[in-house]
């Protein structure tokens, strides 16, 4: 393998690792709580069927990893790159934390306190990615739309179940 190809592969693995970790941690917190606790909640209007969440999140995590890869492959001296990476990783941390707050802690209120700053950080990530790589920023558009919808759902679960 050529050095350039090896560098691309290494960057792809570095981009995929934290995204995959966030997804795996989210599943650890979520899956054991779906059939009993989550199933017992009063669902807000427009709540999708449970089967839809897996495919949607899989696609969103793939898009996040690709966006992150595109920013990581930029020259480390690129102005704004380090800050964009930091904000991306911070929102990703809140992404994983939300599953623990909402599902593992059985707390829509704590979930809401986690998802609101997460949503703000996703928007900030898009704004920071845009001047660096417009494709990377665009890859996060479905993510911000879904998390906006998830914020509505989270608020609805809190409202109907507190």
N, C-alpha and C. Protein backbone atom coordinates (compact mmCIF):
# COMPACT_ATOMS: atom_id res chain seq x y z
N UNK A 1 0.84 -1.17 0.00
CA UNK A 1 0.00 0.00 0.00
C UNK A 1 0.89 1.24 0.00
N UNK A 2 0.54 2.19 -0.82
CA UNK A 2 1.29 3.44 -0.89
C UNK A 2 1.09 4.25 0.38
N UNK A 3 2.06 5.07 0.71
CA UNK A 3 2.00 5.89 1.93
C UNK A 3 0.77 6.79 1.94
N UNK A 4 0.42 7.35 0.79
CA UNK A 4 -0.75 8.24 0.72
C UNK A 4 -2.03 7.47 1.01
N UNK A 5 -2.14 6.25 0.45
CA UNK A 5 -3.31 5.42 0.71
C UNK A 5 -3.36 4.99 2.17
N UNK A 6 -2.21 4.67 2.74
CA UNK A 6 -2.15 4.29 4.15
C UNK A 6 -2.57 5.47 5.03
N UNK A 7 -2.17 6.67 4.66
CA UNK A 7 -2.55 7.86 5.42
C UNK A 7 -4.06 8.08 5.36
N UNK A 8 -4.66 7.88 4.19
CA UNK A 8 -6.12 8.02 4.05
C UNK A 8 -6.84 6.98 4.92
N UNK A 9 -6.33 5.75 4.89
CA UNK A 9 -6.93 4.69 5.70
C UNK A 9 -6.82 5.00 7.18
N UNK A 10 -5.66 5.44 7.61
CA UNK A 10 -5.46 5.80 9.02
C UNK A 10 -6.40 6.93 9.43
N UNK A 11 -6.53 7.94 8.58
CA UNK A 11 -7.43 9.06 8.87
C UNK A 11 -8.87 8.58 8.95
N UNK A 12 -9.26 7.69 8.04
CA UNK A 12 -10.62 7.15 8.07
C UNK A 12 -10.89 6.38 9.37
N UNK A 13 -9.92 5.60 9.81
CA UNK A 13 -10.08 4.85 11.05
C UNK A 13 -10.15 5.79 12.25
N UNK A 14 -9.33 6.82 12.24
CA UNK A 14 -9.35 7.80 13.33
C UNK A 14 -10.69 8.54 13.35
N UNK A 15 -11.25 8.82 12.19
CA UNK A 15 -12.56 9.49 12.12
C UNK A 15 -13.68 8.56 12.56
N UNK A 16 -13.59 7.30 12.16
CA UNK A 16 -14.68 6.36 12.47
C UNK A 16 -14.69 5.93 13.93
N UNK A 17 -13.53 5.86 14.56
CA UNK A 17 -13.45 5.31 15.92
C UNK A 17 -14.33 6.05 16.94
N UNK A 18 -14.22 7.37 17.09
CA UNK A 18 -15.06 8.01 18.10
C UNK A 18 -16.54 7.98 17.75
N UNK A 19 -16.86 8.01 16.47
CA UNK A 19 -18.26 7.94 16.06
C UNK A 19 -18.83 6.55 16.38
N UNK A 20 -18.06 5.52 16.06
CA UNK A 20 -18.50 4.15 16.38
C UNK A 20 -18.61 3.95 17.89
N UNK A 21 -17.69 4.52 18.64
CA UNK A 21 -17.74 4.42 20.10
C UNK A 21 -19.00 5.09 20.64
N UNK A 22 -19.32 6.27 20.15
CA UNK A 22 -20.53 6.96 20.60
C UNK A 22 -21.77 6.12 20.29
N UNK A 23 -21.81 5.54 19.09
CA UNK A 23 -22.94 4.70 18.73
C UNK A 23 -23.04 3.46 19.59
N UNK A 24 -21.90 2.83 19.86
CA UNK A 24 -21.90 1.61 20.69
C UNK A 24 -22.33 1.93 22.12
N UNK A 25 -21.80 3.01 22.67
CA UNK A 25 -22.19 3.40 24.03
C UNK A 25 -23.67 3.73 24.09
N UNK A 26 -24.16 4.42 23.05
CA UNK A 26 -25.59 4.72 23.00
C UNK A 26 -26.44 3.46 22.99
N UNK A 27 -26.01 2.46 22.24
CA UNK A 27 -26.75 1.19 22.21
C UNK A 27 -26.72 0.48 23.56
N UNK A 28 -25.58 0.54 24.23
CA UNK A 28 -25.47 -0.09 25.55
C UNK A 28 -26.48 0.52 26.52
N UNK A 29 -26.64 1.82 26.45
CA UNK A 29 -27.58 2.50 27.34
C UNK A 29 -29.03 2.33 26.90
N UNK A 30 -29.25 2.23 25.61
CA UNK A 30 -30.61 2.26 25.06
C UNK A 30 -31.27 0.89 25.00
N UNK A 31 -30.63 -0.05 24.36
CA UNK A 31 -31.29 -1.32 24.03
C UNK A 31 -31.92 -2.03 25.23
N UNK A 32 -31.23 -2.14 26.37
CA UNK A 32 -31.87 -2.84 27.49
C UNK A 32 -33.09 -2.12 28.06
N UNK A 33 -33.29 -0.87 27.71
CA UNK A 33 -34.37 -0.08 28.29
C UNK A 33 -35.55 0.14 27.35
N UNK A 34 -35.50 -0.42 26.16
CA UNK A 34 -36.58 -0.19 25.19
C UNK A 34 -37.82 -1.01 25.52
N UNK A 35 -37.65 -2.31 25.74
CA UNK A 35 -38.82 -3.19 25.84
C UNK A 35 -39.65 -2.99 27.09
N UNK A 36 -39.06 -2.51 28.17
CA UNK A 36 -39.85 -2.34 29.39
C UNK A 36 -40.08 -0.86 29.68
N UNK A 37 -39.03 -0.12 30.00
CA UNK A 37 -39.21 1.27 30.41
C UNK A 37 -39.76 2.13 29.28
N UNK A 38 -39.06 2.18 28.15
CA UNK A 38 -39.47 3.04 27.04
C UNK A 38 -40.86 2.64 26.54
N UNK A 39 -41.13 1.35 26.49
CA UNK A 39 -42.44 0.87 26.03
C UNK A 39 -43.57 1.31 26.95
N UNK A 40 -43.24 1.60 28.20
CA UNK A 40 -44.27 2.00 29.17
C UNK A 40 -44.61 3.49 29.10
N UNK A 41 -43.84 4.26 28.36
CA UNK A 41 -44.05 5.71 28.31
C UNK A 41 -45.20 6.08 27.37
N UNK A 42 -45.85 7.18 27.71
CA UNK A 42 -46.83 7.77 26.80
C UNK A 42 -46.03 8.48 25.71
N UNK A 43 -46.32 8.12 24.45
CA UNK A 43 -45.56 8.66 23.32
C UNK A 43 -46.18 9.97 22.84
N UNK A 44 -45.32 10.93 22.50
CA UNK A 44 -45.84 12.18 21.94
C UNK A 44 -46.34 11.97 20.51
N UNK A 45 -47.18 12.87 20.02
CA UNK A 45 -47.61 12.76 18.63
C UNK A 45 -46.40 12.75 17.68
N UNK A 46 -46.52 12.04 16.61
CA UNK A 46 -45.50 11.91 15.56
C UNK A 46 -44.32 11.02 15.94
N UNK A 47 -44.38 10.36 17.10
CA UNK A 47 -43.29 9.45 17.49
C UNK A 47 -43.24 8.30 16.49
N UNK A 48 -42.07 8.11 15.85
CA UNK A 48 -41.97 7.04 14.85
C UNK A 48 -41.91 5.66 15.51
N UNK A 49 -42.11 4.62 14.71
CA UNK A 49 -41.98 3.26 15.26
C UNK A 49 -40.53 2.99 15.66
N UNK A 50 -40.37 2.13 16.65
CA UNK A 50 -39.03 1.83 17.17
C UNK A 50 -38.06 1.32 16.10
N UNK A 51 -38.55 0.56 15.14
CA UNK A 51 -37.66 -0.03 14.13
C UNK A 51 -36.96 1.03 13.28
N UNK A 52 -37.51 2.25 13.22
CA UNK A 52 -36.94 3.29 12.37
C UNK A 52 -35.64 3.87 12.94
N UNK A 53 -35.49 3.85 14.25
CA UNK A 53 -34.34 4.51 14.87
C UNK A 53 -33.01 3.89 14.48
N UNK A 54 -32.93 2.58 14.41
CA UNK A 54 -31.67 1.91 14.06
C UNK A 54 -31.14 2.31 12.69
N UNK A 55 -31.96 2.18 11.64
CA UNK A 55 -31.47 2.58 10.32
C UNK A 55 -31.13 4.08 10.22
N UNK A 56 -31.95 4.91 10.84
CA UNK A 56 -31.68 6.36 10.78
C UNK A 56 -30.36 6.67 11.47
N UNK A 57 -30.16 6.16 12.68
CA UNK A 57 -28.91 6.45 13.40
C UNK A 57 -27.70 5.85 12.70
N UNK A 58 -27.86 4.69 12.08
CA UNK A 58 -26.74 4.11 11.33
C UNK A 58 -26.31 5.06 10.21
N UNK A 59 -27.28 5.55 9.45
CA UNK A 59 -26.98 6.49 8.37
C UNK A 59 -26.34 7.77 8.92
N UNK A 60 -26.90 8.29 10.01
CA UNK A 60 -26.37 9.53 10.58
C UNK A 60 -24.94 9.34 11.08
N UNK A 61 -24.65 8.21 11.73
CA UNK A 61 -23.28 7.97 12.20
C UNK A 61 -22.31 7.82 11.03
N UNK A 62 -22.74 7.19 9.94
CA UNK A 62 -21.89 7.09 8.75
C UNK A 62 -21.59 8.48 8.18
N UNK A 63 -22.62 9.31 8.11
CA UNK A 63 -22.42 10.68 7.61
C UNK A 63 -21.51 11.48 8.54
N UNK A 64 -21.68 11.30 9.85
CA UNK A 64 -20.81 12.00 10.81
C UNK A 64 -19.36 11.59 10.63
N UNK A 65 -19.13 10.29 10.50
CA UNK A 65 -17.76 9.80 10.35
C UNK A 65 -17.14 10.32 9.06
N UNK A 66 -17.92 10.34 7.98
CA UNK A 66 -17.41 10.85 6.71
C UNK A 66 -17.09 12.34 6.82
N UNK A 67 -17.98 13.11 7.44
CA UNK A 67 -17.74 14.54 7.63
C UNK A 67 -16.49 14.77 8.46
N UNK A 68 -16.34 14.01 9.52
CA UNK A 68 -15.18 14.14 10.40
C UNK A 68 -13.90 13.78 9.63
N UNK A 69 -13.97 12.73 8.83
CA UNK A 69 -12.82 12.33 8.00
C UNK A 69 -12.39 13.48 7.09
N UNK A 70 -13.35 14.12 6.47
CA UNK A 70 -13.03 15.21 5.53
C UNK A 70 -12.32 16.36 6.24
N UNK A 71 -12.69 16.64 7.48
CA UNK A 71 -12.04 17.71 8.23
C UNK A 71 -10.69 17.25 8.76
N UNK A 72 -10.63 16.02 9.22
CA UNK A 72 -9.34 15.50 9.72
C UNK A 72 -8.26 15.47 8.65
N UNK A 73 -8.63 15.24 7.41
CA UNK A 73 -7.63 15.11 6.35
C UNK A 73 -7.05 16.45 5.92
N UNK A 74 -7.63 17.54 6.42
CA UNK A 74 -7.08 18.86 6.11
C UNK A 74 -5.76 19.05 6.83
N UNK A 75 -4.93 19.91 6.29
CA UNK A 75 -3.65 20.24 6.91
C UNK A 75 -3.90 20.67 8.36
N UNK A 76 -3.18 20.11 9.32
CA UNK A 76 -3.38 20.48 10.73
C UNK A 76 -3.21 21.97 11.02
N UNK A 77 -2.53 22.68 10.14
CA UNK A 77 -2.34 24.13 10.33
C UNK A 77 -3.50 24.95 9.76
N UNK A 78 -4.49 24.30 9.18
CA UNK A 78 -5.63 25.01 8.61
C UNK A 78 -6.34 25.80 9.71
N UNK A 79 -6.50 27.11 9.52
CA UNK A 79 -7.19 27.91 10.54
C UNK A 79 -8.61 27.39 10.80
N UNK A 80 -8.96 27.20 12.05
CA UNK A 80 -10.29 26.75 12.44
C UNK A 80 -10.44 25.24 12.53
N UNK A 81 -9.48 24.49 12.02
CA UNK A 81 -9.59 23.03 12.02
C UNK A 81 -9.63 22.46 13.43
N UNK A 82 -8.69 22.88 14.28
CA UNK A 82 -8.63 22.32 15.64
C UNK A 82 -9.90 22.63 16.42
N UNK A 83 -10.40 23.85 16.29
CA UNK A 83 -11.63 24.22 17.00
C UNK A 83 -12.81 23.40 16.50
N UNK A 84 -12.91 23.24 15.18
CA UNK A 84 -14.00 22.46 14.60
C UNK A 84 -13.96 21.02 15.10
N UNK A 85 -12.77 20.45 15.16
CA UNK A 85 -12.61 19.08 15.66
C UNK A 85 -13.03 19.00 17.13
N UNK A 86 -12.62 19.96 17.91
CA UNK A 86 -12.99 19.97 19.33
C UNK A 86 -14.48 20.06 19.55
N UNK A 87 -15.15 20.92 18.81
CA UNK A 87 -16.61 21.07 18.95
C UNK A 87 -17.31 19.81 18.44
N UNK A 88 -16.83 19.24 17.35
CA UNK A 88 -17.40 17.99 16.85
C UNK A 88 -17.32 16.91 17.93
N UNK A 89 -16.16 16.75 18.54
CA UNK A 89 -15.99 15.71 19.57
C UNK A 89 -16.83 16.00 20.80
N UNK A 90 -17.02 17.26 21.13
CA UNK A 90 -17.86 17.62 22.28
C UNK A 90 -19.32 17.26 22.02
N UNK A 91 -19.83 17.59 20.83
CA UNK A 91 -21.22 17.22 20.53
C UNK A 91 -21.37 15.72 20.47
N UNK A 92 -20.34 15.02 20.00
CA UNK A 92 -20.39 13.56 19.93
C UNK A 92 -20.43 12.96 21.33
N UNK A 93 -19.72 13.57 22.26
CA UNK A 93 -19.76 13.13 23.66
C UNK A 93 -21.16 13.30 24.22
N UNK A 94 -21.79 14.43 23.92
CA UNK A 94 -23.18 14.63 24.39
C UNK A 94 -24.14 13.67 23.70
N UNK A 95 -23.83 13.31 22.46
CA UNK A 95 -24.65 12.34 21.74
C UNK A 95 -24.70 11.03 22.54
N UNK A 96 -23.55 10.54 22.95
CA UNK A 96 -23.51 9.30 23.74
C UNK A 96 -24.13 9.52 25.12
N UNK A 97 -23.85 10.67 25.72
CA UNK A 97 -24.37 10.96 27.07
C UNK A 97 -25.89 11.02 27.08
N UNK A 98 -26.49 11.48 25.98
CA UNK A 98 -27.94 11.58 25.93
C UNK A 98 -28.60 10.21 26.15
N UNK A 99 -28.06 9.17 25.55
CA UNK A 99 -28.65 7.84 25.71
C UNK A 99 -28.62 7.40 27.18
N UNK A 100 -27.55 7.75 27.87
CA UNK A 100 -27.46 7.41 29.29
C UNK A 100 -28.43 8.26 30.10
N UNK A 101 -28.55 9.54 29.75
CA UNK A 101 -29.44 10.44 30.48
C UNK A 101 -30.90 10.03 30.28
N UNK A 102 -31.31 9.81 29.06
CA UNK A 102 -32.71 9.50 28.76
C UNK A 102 -33.05 8.06 29.09
N UNK A 103 -32.30 7.12 28.50
CA UNK A 103 -32.65 5.71 28.63
C UNK A 103 -32.13 5.06 29.91
N UNK A 104 -30.84 5.12 30.15
CA UNK A 104 -30.28 4.41 31.30
C UNK A 104 -30.75 5.02 32.62
N UNK A 105 -30.85 6.35 32.67
CA UNK A 105 -31.31 7.01 33.89
C UNK A 105 -32.84 7.10 33.95
N UNK A 106 -33.51 6.66 32.88
CA UNK A 106 -34.97 6.72 32.80
C UNK A 106 -35.46 8.15 33.08
N UNK A 107 -34.82 9.12 32.44
CA UNK A 107 -35.12 10.52 32.75
C UNK A 107 -35.24 11.37 31.50
N UNK A 108 -36.47 11.55 31.00
CA UNK A 108 -36.65 12.50 29.90
C UNK A 108 -36.19 13.91 30.26
N UNK A 109 -36.30 14.30 31.53
CA UNK A 109 -35.84 15.63 31.94
C UNK A 109 -34.33 15.75 31.78
N UNK A 110 -33.59 14.77 32.24
CA UNK A 110 -32.14 14.78 32.09
C UNK A 110 -31.76 14.67 30.61
N UNK A 111 -32.53 13.91 29.85
CA UNK A 111 -32.31 13.83 28.42
C UNK A 111 -32.46 15.20 27.75
N UNK A 112 -33.48 15.93 28.16
CA UNK A 112 -33.71 17.27 27.62
C UNK A 112 -32.56 18.21 27.98
N UNK A 113 -32.05 18.10 29.20
CA UNK A 113 -30.93 18.93 29.62
C UNK A 113 -29.64 18.56 28.87
N UNK A 114 -29.60 17.39 28.28
CA UNK A 114 -28.44 16.96 27.51
C UNK A 114 -28.60 17.28 26.03
N UNK A 115 -29.80 17.07 25.51
CA UNK A 115 -30.00 17.22 24.06
C UNK A 115 -29.99 18.68 23.62
N UNK A 116 -30.41 19.60 24.48
CA UNK A 116 -30.43 21.01 24.08
C UNK A 116 -29.02 21.55 23.80
N UNK A 117 -28.04 21.37 24.71
CA UNK A 117 -26.69 21.81 24.35
C UNK A 117 -26.09 20.99 23.21
N UNK A 118 -26.47 19.71 23.12
CA UNK A 118 -25.99 18.89 22.01
C UNK A 118 -26.45 19.48 20.68
N UNK A 119 -27.72 19.88 20.60
CA UNK A 119 -28.25 20.48 19.38
C UNK A 119 -27.51 21.77 19.04
N UNK A 120 -27.25 22.59 20.05
CA UNK A 120 -26.51 23.83 19.82
C UNK A 120 -25.10 23.54 19.31
N UNK A 121 -24.46 22.51 19.85
CA UNK A 121 -23.12 22.15 19.42
C UNK A 121 -23.10 21.54 18.02
N UNK A 122 -24.16 20.86 17.63
CA UNK A 122 -24.24 20.34 16.25
C UNK A 122 -24.32 21.52 15.28
N UNK A 123 -25.15 22.50 15.60
CA UNK A 123 -25.23 23.69 14.75
C UNK A 123 -23.87 24.38 14.71
N UNK A 124 -23.21 24.51 15.86
CA UNK A 124 -21.88 25.13 15.90
C UNK A 124 -20.89 24.34 15.05
N UNK A 125 -20.97 23.02 15.10
CA UNK A 125 -20.07 22.18 14.30
C UNK A 125 -20.28 22.44 12.82
N UNK A 126 -21.53 22.50 12.40
CA UNK A 126 -21.83 22.78 10.99
C UNK A 126 -21.24 24.13 10.59
N UNK A 127 -21.43 25.13 11.43
CA UNK A 127 -20.91 26.47 11.12
C UNK A 127 -19.39 26.48 11.08
N UNK A 128 -18.76 25.68 11.93
CA UNK A 128 -17.29 25.61 11.93
C UNK A 128 -16.75 24.76 10.78
N UNK A 129 -17.49 23.73 10.39
CA UNK A 129 -17.08 22.88 9.27
C UNK A 129 -17.24 23.60 7.93
N UNK A 130 -18.28 24.43 7.81
CA UNK A 130 -18.62 25.02 6.50
C UNK A 130 -17.44 25.72 5.82
N UNK A 131 -16.70 26.62 6.49
CA UNK A 131 -15.58 27.25 5.78
C UNK A 131 -14.40 26.30 5.51
N UNK A 132 -14.35 25.20 6.24
CA UNK A 132 -13.26 24.23 6.05
C UNK A 132 -13.57 23.26 4.92
N UNK A 133 -14.83 22.80 4.87
CA UNK A 133 -15.24 21.80 3.88
C UNK A 133 -16.76 21.80 3.82
N UNK A 134 -17.30 22.38 2.75
CA UNK A 134 -18.76 22.51 2.66
C UNK A 134 -19.46 21.14 2.55
N UNK A 135 -18.79 20.15 1.99
CA UNK A 135 -19.37 18.80 1.91
C UNK A 135 -19.51 18.22 3.33
N UNK A 136 -18.47 18.39 4.14
CA UNK A 136 -18.52 17.90 5.53
C UNK A 136 -19.67 18.58 6.28
N UNK A 137 -19.81 19.88 6.11
CA UNK A 137 -20.90 20.60 6.76
C UNK A 137 -22.25 20.07 6.28
N UNK A 138 -22.37 19.87 4.97
CA UNK A 138 -23.62 19.36 4.41
C UNK A 138 -23.97 17.96 4.89
N UNK A 139 -22.96 17.15 5.15
CA UNK A 139 -23.20 15.79 5.66
C UNK A 139 -23.87 15.82 7.03
N UNK A 140 -23.70 16.91 7.76
CA UNK A 140 -24.30 17.01 9.09
C UNK A 140 -25.71 17.59 9.08
N UNK A 141 -26.18 18.04 7.91
CA UNK A 141 -27.53 18.60 7.83
C UNK A 141 -28.62 17.59 8.24
N UNK A 142 -28.59 16.34 7.75
CA UNK A 142 -29.61 15.39 8.21
C UNK A 142 -29.54 15.13 9.73
N UNK A 143 -28.34 15.19 10.27
CA UNK A 143 -28.13 14.99 11.70
C UNK A 143 -28.81 16.09 12.51
N UNK A 144 -28.62 17.34 12.12
CA UNK A 144 -29.24 18.42 12.87
C UNK A 144 -30.76 18.39 12.74
N UNK A 145 -31.26 17.96 11.57
CA UNK A 145 -32.71 17.83 11.39
C UNK A 145 -33.25 16.73 12.31
N UNK A 146 -32.58 15.57 12.33
CA UNK A 146 -33.04 14.46 13.16
C UNK A 146 -32.96 14.80 14.65
N UNK A 147 -31.89 15.42 15.07
CA UNK A 147 -31.75 15.77 16.49
C UNK A 147 -32.75 16.86 16.88
N UNK A 148 -33.11 17.73 15.95
CA UNK A 148 -34.18 18.70 16.22
C UNK A 148 -35.49 17.97 16.47
N UNK A 149 -35.78 16.98 15.62
CA UNK A 149 -36.97 16.15 15.81
C UNK A 149 -36.89 15.36 17.11
N UNK A 150 -35.70 14.83 17.41
CA UNK A 150 -35.50 14.09 18.66
C UNK A 150 -35.69 14.99 19.87
N UNK A 151 -35.34 16.26 19.73
CA UNK A 151 -35.55 17.21 20.84
C UNK A 151 -37.04 17.40 21.08
N UNK A 152 -37.81 17.52 20.01
CA UNK A 152 -39.26 17.58 20.13
C UNK A 152 -39.79 16.32 20.83
N UNK A 153 -39.32 15.14 20.38
CA UNK A 153 -39.77 13.89 20.99
C UNK A 153 -39.40 13.84 22.47
N UNK A 154 -38.16 14.20 22.78
CA UNK A 154 -37.69 14.17 24.16
C UNK A 154 -38.56 15.08 25.03
N UNK A 155 -38.84 16.29 24.54
CA UNK A 155 -39.70 17.21 25.28
C UNK A 155 -41.11 16.62 25.45
N UNK A 156 -41.60 15.97 24.40
CA UNK A 156 -42.90 15.33 24.48
C UNK A 156 -42.93 14.20 25.50
N UNK A 157 -41.90 13.38 25.51
CA UNK A 157 -41.83 12.31 26.50
C UNK A 157 -41.79 12.89 27.91
N UNK A 158 -41.05 13.97 28.09
CA UNK A 158 -41.02 14.62 29.40
C UNK A 158 -42.41 15.15 29.76
N UNK A 159 -43.04 15.85 28.84
CA UNK A 159 -44.33 16.49 29.09
C UNK A 159 -45.41 15.45 29.44
N UNK A 160 -45.47 14.38 28.68
CA UNK A 160 -46.53 13.40 28.88
C UNK A 160 -46.25 12.39 29.99
N UNK A 161 -45.04 12.36 30.52
CA UNK A 161 -44.68 11.32 31.49
C UNK A 161 -44.11 11.84 32.80
N UNK A 162 -44.17 13.15 33.05
CA UNK A 162 -43.62 13.64 34.33
C UNK A 162 -44.70 13.78 35.38
